[in-house]
Amino acid sequence: MATIKQKIVPHLWFDKEAKEAANFYCSVFPDSRITSITTLPNTPSGDCDVVSFTLSGQPFMAISAGPLFKFNESISFMVYCETQEELDYYWEKLSAVPEAEQCGWLKDKYGLSWQIVPTIMDRIMEDQDPERLARVTQAFLKMKKFDLTALQRAYDGDKREKQNFC
């Protein structure tokens, strides 16, 4: 197994798709690669593949250890995006369960939840104008994938107070 230098590393449990999932994720995110694959023989789950990989420089580990655990929405990974094109790219690559899409959240083909979020969202959510925040909140609650233009319109409200956040 690869030596991990990061203090905290997400570890993902798959039934038998750890290698496949790691390869898929590495194909989606820039600056990503498999760093090692180790097979642990004769575990209670049979032979288990342990995969170390990085996604955009963030280390991850994954294991294929049987159907004991499943992903759920209580854990998700946030992907911050600068542009609508980047939001669209990650949405297209990762979304595989349309009925799970809501407010920038999606679920991939392995059941893992992701949040595809505009980088500006943190600044919007810290805005001290309660009316502006309420407009933006009402706008994004109706969205599946975030739409930067619609968020901008909600943020602006009255056209006289236009402030470009994009």
C-alpha atoms as a PDB file:
ATOM      1  CA  MET A   1       0.000   0.000   0.000  1.00  0.00           C
ATOM      2  CA  ALA A   2       1.134   3.541  -0.695  1.00  0.00           C
ATOM      3  CA  THR A   3       2.488   5.696   2.083  1.00  0.00           C
ATOM      4  CA  ILE A   4      -0.137   8.299   2.973  1.00  0.00           C
ATOM      5  CA  LYS A   5       1.132  11.682   4.125  1.00  0.00           C
ATOM      6  CA  GLN A   6      -2.247  13.383   4.540  1.00  0.00           C
ATOM      7  CA  LYS A   7      -3.530  13.393   8.142  1.00  0.00           C
ATOM      8  CA  ILE A   8      -7.128  12.610   7.165  1.00  0.00           C
ATOM      9  CA  VAL A   9      -7.885  10.387   4.167  1.00  0.00           C
ATOM     10  CA  PRO A  10     -11.394   9.353   3.073  1.00  0.00           C
ATOM     11  CA  HIS A  11     -11.738   5.562   2.868  1.00  0.00           C
ATOM     12  CA  LEU A  12     -14.519   4.159   0.676  1.00  0.00           C
ATOM     13  CA  TRP A  13     -15.998   0.658   1.072  1.00  0.00           C
ATOM     14  CA  PHE A  14     -17.225  -1.002  -2.107  1.00  0.00           C
ATOM     15  CA  ASP A  15     -18.743  -4.432  -2.614  1.00  0.00           C
ATOM     16  CA  LYS A  16     -16.270  -5.397  -5.366  1.00  0.00           C
ATOM     17  CA  GLU A  17     -15.779  -2.230  -7.446  1.00  0.00           C
ATOM     18  CA  ALA A  18     -12.898  -0.427  -5.670  1.00  0.00           C
ATOM     19  CA  LYS A  19     -10.483  -0.638  -8.626  1.00  0.00           C
ATOM     20  CA  GLU A  20     -13.196   0.195 -11.165  1.00  0.00           C
ATOM     21  CA  ALA A  21     -14.451   3.152  -9.108  1.00  0.00           C
ATOM     22  CA  ALA A  22     -10.948   4.522  -8.476  1.00  0.00           C
ATOM     23  CA  ASN A  23     -10.178   4.343 -12.195  1.00  0.00           C
ATOM     24  CA  PHE A  24     -13.476   6.061 -13.000  1.00  0.00           C
ATOM     25  CA  TYR A  25     -12.923   8.879 -10.500  1.00  0.00           C
ATOM     26  CA  CYS A  26      -9.350   9.366 -11.742  1.00  0.00           C
ATOM     27  CA  SER A  27     -10.714   9.751 -15.284  1.00  0.00           C
ATOM     28  CA  VAL A  28     -13.128  12.486 -14.136  1.00  0.00           C
ATOM     29  CA  PHE A  29     -10.865  14.684 -11.989  1.00  0.00           C
ATOM     30  CA  PRO A  30      -7.650  16.398 -13.136  1.00  0.00           C
ATOM     31  CA  ASP A  31      -4.421  15.751 -11.213  1.00  0.00           C
ATOM     32  CA  SER A  32      -5.635  12.257 -10.296  1.00  0.00           C
ATOM     33  CA  ARG A  33      -4.017   8.833 -10.320  1.00  0.00           C
ATOM     34  CA  ILE A  34      -3.976   5.381  -8.784  1.00  0.00           C
ATOM     35  CA  THR A  35      -1.000   5.185  -6.428  1.00  0.00           C
ATOM     36  CA  SER A  36      -1.225   1.508  -5.434  1.00  0.00           C
ATOM     37  CA  ILE A  37      -3.395  -1.583  -5.533  1.00  0.00           C
ATOM     38  CA  THR A  38      -2.921  -4.344  -2.967  1.00  0.00           C
ATOM     39  CA  THR A  39      -4.869  -7.583  -2.678  1.00  0.00           C
ATOM     40  CA  LEU A  40      -5.369  -8.865   0.855  1.00  0.00           C
ATOM     41  CA  PRO A  41      -5.904 -12.632   0.607  1.00  0.00           C
ATOM     42  CA  ASN A  42      -8.182 -14.765   2.772  1.00  0.00           C
ATOM     43  CA  THR A  43     -10.001 -12.038   4.734  1.00  0.00           C
ATOM     44  CA  PRO A  44     -13.465 -12.736   6.183  1.00  0.00           C
ATOM     45  CA  SER A  45     -14.794 -11.117   2.967  1.00  0.00           C
ATOM     46  CA  GLY A  46     -12.519 -13.225   0.745  1.00  0.00           C
ATOM     47  CA  ASP A  47      -9.722 -11.589  -1.222  1.00  0.00           C
ATOM     48  CA  CYS A  48     -10.023  -7.801  -0.829  1.00  0.00           C
ATOM     49  CA  ASP A  49      -8.527  -5.206  -3.134  1.00  0.00           C
ATOM     50  CA  VAL A  50      -7.258  -2.069  -1.397  1.00  0.00           C
ATOM     51  CA  VAL A  51      -6.729   0.873  -3.745  1.00  0.00           C
ATOM     52  CA  SER A  52      -4.874   4.077  -2.922  1.00  0.00           C
ATOM     53  CA  PHE A  53      -5.513   6.981  -5.274  1.00  0.00           C
ATOM     54  CA  THR A  54      -5.591  10.765  -5.445  1.00  0.00           C
ATOM     55  CA  LEU A  55      -8.332  12.987  -6.843  1.00  0.00           C
ATOM     56  CA  SER A  56      -7.196  16.506  -7.653  1.00  0.00           C
ATOM     57  CA  GLY A  57      -4.342  15.978  -5.217  1.00  0.00           C
ATOM     58  CA  GLN A  58      -6.571  14.682  -2.347  1.00  0.00           C
ATOM     59  CA  PRO A  59      -5.619  11.156  -1.219  1.00  0.00           C
ATOM     60  CA  PHE A  60      -8.312   8.480  -0.976  1.00  0.00           C
ATOM     61  CA  MET A  61      -8.390   4.792  -0.231  1.00  0.00           C
ATOM     62  CA  ALA A  62     -10.976   2.261  -1.322  1.00  0.00           C
ATOM     63  CA  ILE A  63     -11.577  -1.369  -0.493  1.00  0.00           C
ATOM     64  CA  SER A  64     -13.550  -4.117  -2.210  1.00  0.00           C
ATOM     65  CA  ALA A  65     -14.720  -6.009   0.858  1.00  0.00           C
ATOM     66  CA  GLY A  66     -18.194  -7.295   0.143  1.00  0.00           C
ATOM     67  CA  PRO A  67     -21.765  -6.042   0.442  1.00  0.00           C
ATOM     68  CA  LEU A  68     -21.735  -5.344   4.179  1.00  0.00           C
ATOM     69  CA  PHE A  69     -22.014  -1.535   3.915  1.00  0.00           C
ATOM     70  CA  LYS A  70     -23.641   0.869   1.459  1.00  0.00           C
ATOM     71  CA  PHE A  71     -23.121   4.569   0.833  1.00  0.00           C
ATOM     72  CA  ASN A  72     -25.842   6.985   1.887  1.00  0.00           C
ATOM     73  CA  GLU A  73     -26.443  10.732   1.765  1.00  0.00           C
ATOM     74  CA  SER A  74     -25.056  11.361   5.252  1.00  0.00           C
ATOM     75  CA  ILE A  75     -21.611  11.601   3.635  1.00  0.00           C
ATOM     76  CA  SER A  76     -20.903  13.467   0.406  1.00  0.00           C
ATOM     77  CA  PHE A  77     -17.942  15.026  -1.350  1.00  0.00           C
ATOM     78  CA  MET A  78     -18.111  18.674  -2.393  1.00  0.00           C
ATOM     79  CA  VAL A  79     -16.651  19.683  -5.728  1.00  0.00           C
ATOM     80  CA  TYR A  80     -16.205  23.454  -5.993  1.00  0.00           C
ATOM     81  CA  CYS A  81     -16.565  24.848  -9.513  1.00  0.00           C
ATOM     82  CA  GLU A  82     -15.653  28.275 -10.885  1.00  0.00           C
ATOM     83  CA  THR A  83     -17.899  28.333 -13.964  1.00  0.00           C
ATOM     84  CA  GLN A  84     -21.165  26.934 -15.293  1.00  0.00           C
ATOM     85  CA  GLU A  85     -19.156  24.878 -17.763  1.00  0.00           C
ATOM     86  CA  GLU A  86     -17.257  23.241 -14.911  1.00  0.00           C
ATOM     87  CA  LEU A  87     -20.523  22.590 -13.006  1.00  0.00           C
ATOM     88  CA  ASP A  88     -21.997  21.032 -16.152  1.00  0.00           C
ATOM     89  CA  TYR A  89     -18.895  18.872 -16.709  1.00  0.00           C
ATOM     90  CA  TYR A  90     -18.907  17.284 -13.256  1.00  0.00           C
ATOM     91  CA  TRP A  91     -22.675  16.902 -13.279  1.00  0.00           C
ATOM     92  CA  GLU A  92     -22.565  15.076 -16.609  1.00  0.00           C
ATOM     93  CA  LYS A  93     -19.688  12.813 -15.535  1.00  0.00           C
ATOM     94  CA  LEU A  94     -20.934  11.915 -12.055  1.00  0.00           C
ATOM     95  CA  SER A  95     -24.748  11.981 -11.995  1.00  0.00           C
ATOM     96  CA  ALA A  96     -26.244   8.524 -12.455  1.00  0.00           C
ATOM     97  CA  VAL A  97     -29.404   8.607 -10.301  1.00  0.00           C
ATOM     98  CA  PRO A  98     -31.680  11.431 -11.543  1.00  0.00           C
ATOM     99  CA  GLU A  99     -34.198  10.939  -8.714  1.00  0.00           C
ATOM    100  CA  ALA A 100     -31.425  11.719  -6.184  1.00  0.00           C
ATOM    101  CA  GLU A 101     -30.604  15.105  -7.759  1.00  0.00           C
ATOM    102  CA  GLN A 102     -31.486  18.115  -5.636  1.00  0.00           C
ATOM    103  CA  CYS A 103     -29.876  21.446  -4.669  1.00  0.00           C
ATOM    104  CA  GLY A 104     -26.531  20.615  -6.273  1.00  0.00           C
ATOM    105  CA  TRP A 105     -26.438  17.067  -4.856  1.00  0.00           C
ATOM    106  CA  LEU A 106     -26.182  13.990  -7.022  1.00  0.00           C
ATOM    107  CA  LYS A 107     -25.441  10.310  -6.682  1.00  0.00           C
ATOM    108  CA  ASP A 108     -22.942   8.481  -8.897  1.00  0.00           C
ATOM    109  CA  LYS A 109     -23.170   4.977 -10.371  1.00  0.00           C
ATOM    110  CA  TYR A 110     -21.569   3.519  -7.222  1.00  0.00           C
ATOM    111  CA  GLY A 111     -24.086   5.183  -4.898  1.00  0.00           C
ATOM    112  CA  LEU A 112     -21.660   7.830  -3.616  1.00  0.00           C
ATOM    113  CA  SER A 113     -23.138  11.309  -3.054  1.00  0.00           C
ATOM    114  CA  TRP A 114     -21.469  14.439  -4.427  1.00  0.00           C
ATOM    115  CA  GLN A 115     -22.252  18.136  -4.139  1.00  0.00           C
ATOM    116  CA  ILE A 116     -21.352  20.096  -7.279  1.00  0.00           C
ATOM    117  CA  VAL A 117     -21.187  23.639  -5.957  1.00  0.00           C
ATOM    118  CA  PRO A 118     -20.192  27.037  -7.364  1.00  0.00           C
ATOM    119  CA  THR A 119     -17.200  28.441  -5.479  1.00  0.00           C
ATOM    120  CA  ILE A 120     -19.133  31.637  -4.931  1.00  0.00           C
ATOM    121  CA  MET A 121     -21.743  29.808  -2.848  1.00  0.00           C
ATOM    122  CA  ASP A 122     -19.796  30.298   0.397  1.00  0.00           C
ATOM    123  CA  ARG A 123     -19.785  34.072  -0.114  1.00  0.00           C
ATOM    124  CA  ILE A 124     -23.473  34.097  -1.013  1.00  0.00           C
ATOM    125  CA  MET A 125     -24.377  32.098   2.107  1.00  0.00           C
ATOM    126  CA  GLU A 126     -22.465  34.557   4.312  1.00  0.00           C
ATOM    127  CA  ASP A 127     -24.294  37.590   2.886  1.00  0.00           C
ATOM    128  CA  GLN A 128     -25.745  39.707   5.709  1.00  0.00           C
ATOM    129  CA  ASP A 129     -28.814  40.792   3.707  1.00  0.00           C
ATOM    130  CA  PRO A 130     -31.584  38.389   4.849  1.00  0.00           C
ATOM    131  CA  GLU A 131     -33.814  39.215   1.861  1.00  0.00           C
ATOM    132  CA  ARG A 132     -31.024  38.489  -0.620  1.00  0.00           C
ATOM    133  CA  LEU A 133     -30.154  35.261   1.193  1.00  0.00           C
ATOM    134  CA  ALA A 134     -33.821  34.221   1.213  1.00  0.00           C
ATOM    135  CA  ARG A 135     -34.128  34.858  -2.563  1.00  0.00           C
ATOM    136  CA  VAL A 136     -31.032  32.817  -3.329  1.00  0.00           C
ATOM    137  CA  THR A 137     -32.140  30.031  -1.001  1.00  0.00           C
ATOM    138  CA  GLN A 138     -35.576  29.840  -2.622  1.00  0.00           C
ATOM    139  CA  ALA A 139     -33.924  29.770  -6.058  1.00  0.00           C
ATOM    140  CA  PHE A 140     -31.493  26.957  -5.325  1.00  0.00           C
ATOM    141  CA  LEU A 141     -34.057  24.843  -3.464  1.00  0.00           C
ATOM    142  CA  LYS A 142     -35.892  24.513  -6.813  1.00  0.00           C
ATOM    143  CA  MET A 143     -32.736  23.473  -8.690  1.00  0.00           C
ATOM    144  CA  LYS A 144     -31.244  20.091  -9.308  1.00  0.00           C
ATOM    145  CA  LYS A 145     -27.965  21.254 -10.852  1.00  0.00           C
ATOM    146  CA  PHE A 146     -26.943  24.786  -9.865  1.00  0.00           C
ATOM    147  CA  ASP A 147     -27.545  27.426 -12.536  1.00  0.00           C
ATOM    148  CA  LEU A 148     -25.184  30.371 -12.018  1.00  0.00           C
ATOM    149  CA  THR A 149     -27.304  32.741 -14.122  1.00  0.00           C
ATOM    150  CA  ALA A 150     -30.457  31.970 -12.131  1.00  0.00           C
ATOM    151  CA  LEU A 151     -28.550  32.314  -8.853  1.00  0.00           C
ATOM    152  CA  GLN A 152     -27.241  35.688 -10.034  1.00  0.00           C
ATOM    153  CA  ARG A 153     -30.779  36.863 -10.853  1.00  0.00           C
ATOM    154  CA  ALA A 154     -31.994  35.753  -7.416  1.00  0.00           C
ATOM    155  CA  TYR A 155     -29.027  37.439  -5.745  1.00  0.00           C
ATOM    156  CA  ASP A 156     -29.717  40.694  -7.609  1.00  0.00           C
ATOM    157  CA  GLY A 157     -33.466  40.730  -6.903  1.00  0.00           C
ATOM    158  CA  ASP A 158     -34.262  44.315  -7.743  1.00  0.00           C
ATOM    159  CA  LYS A 159     -32.149  45.135 -10.809  1.00  0.00           C
ATOM    160  CA  ARG A 160     -31.094  48.438  -9.221  1.00  0.00           C
ATOM    161  CA  GLU A 161     -29.016  46.576  -6.622  1.00  0.00           C
ATOM    162  CA  LYS A 162     -27.134  44.449  -9.153  1.00  0.00           C
ATOM    163  CA  GLN A 163     -23.897  42.999  -7.784  1.00  0.00           C
ATOM    164  CA  ASN A 164     -22.046  40.536  -9.946  1.00  0.00           C
ATOM    165  CA  PHE A 165     -20.775  37.559  -7.965  1.00  0.00           C
ATOM    166  CA  CYS A 166     -19.721  35.424 -10.919  1.00  0.00           C
END
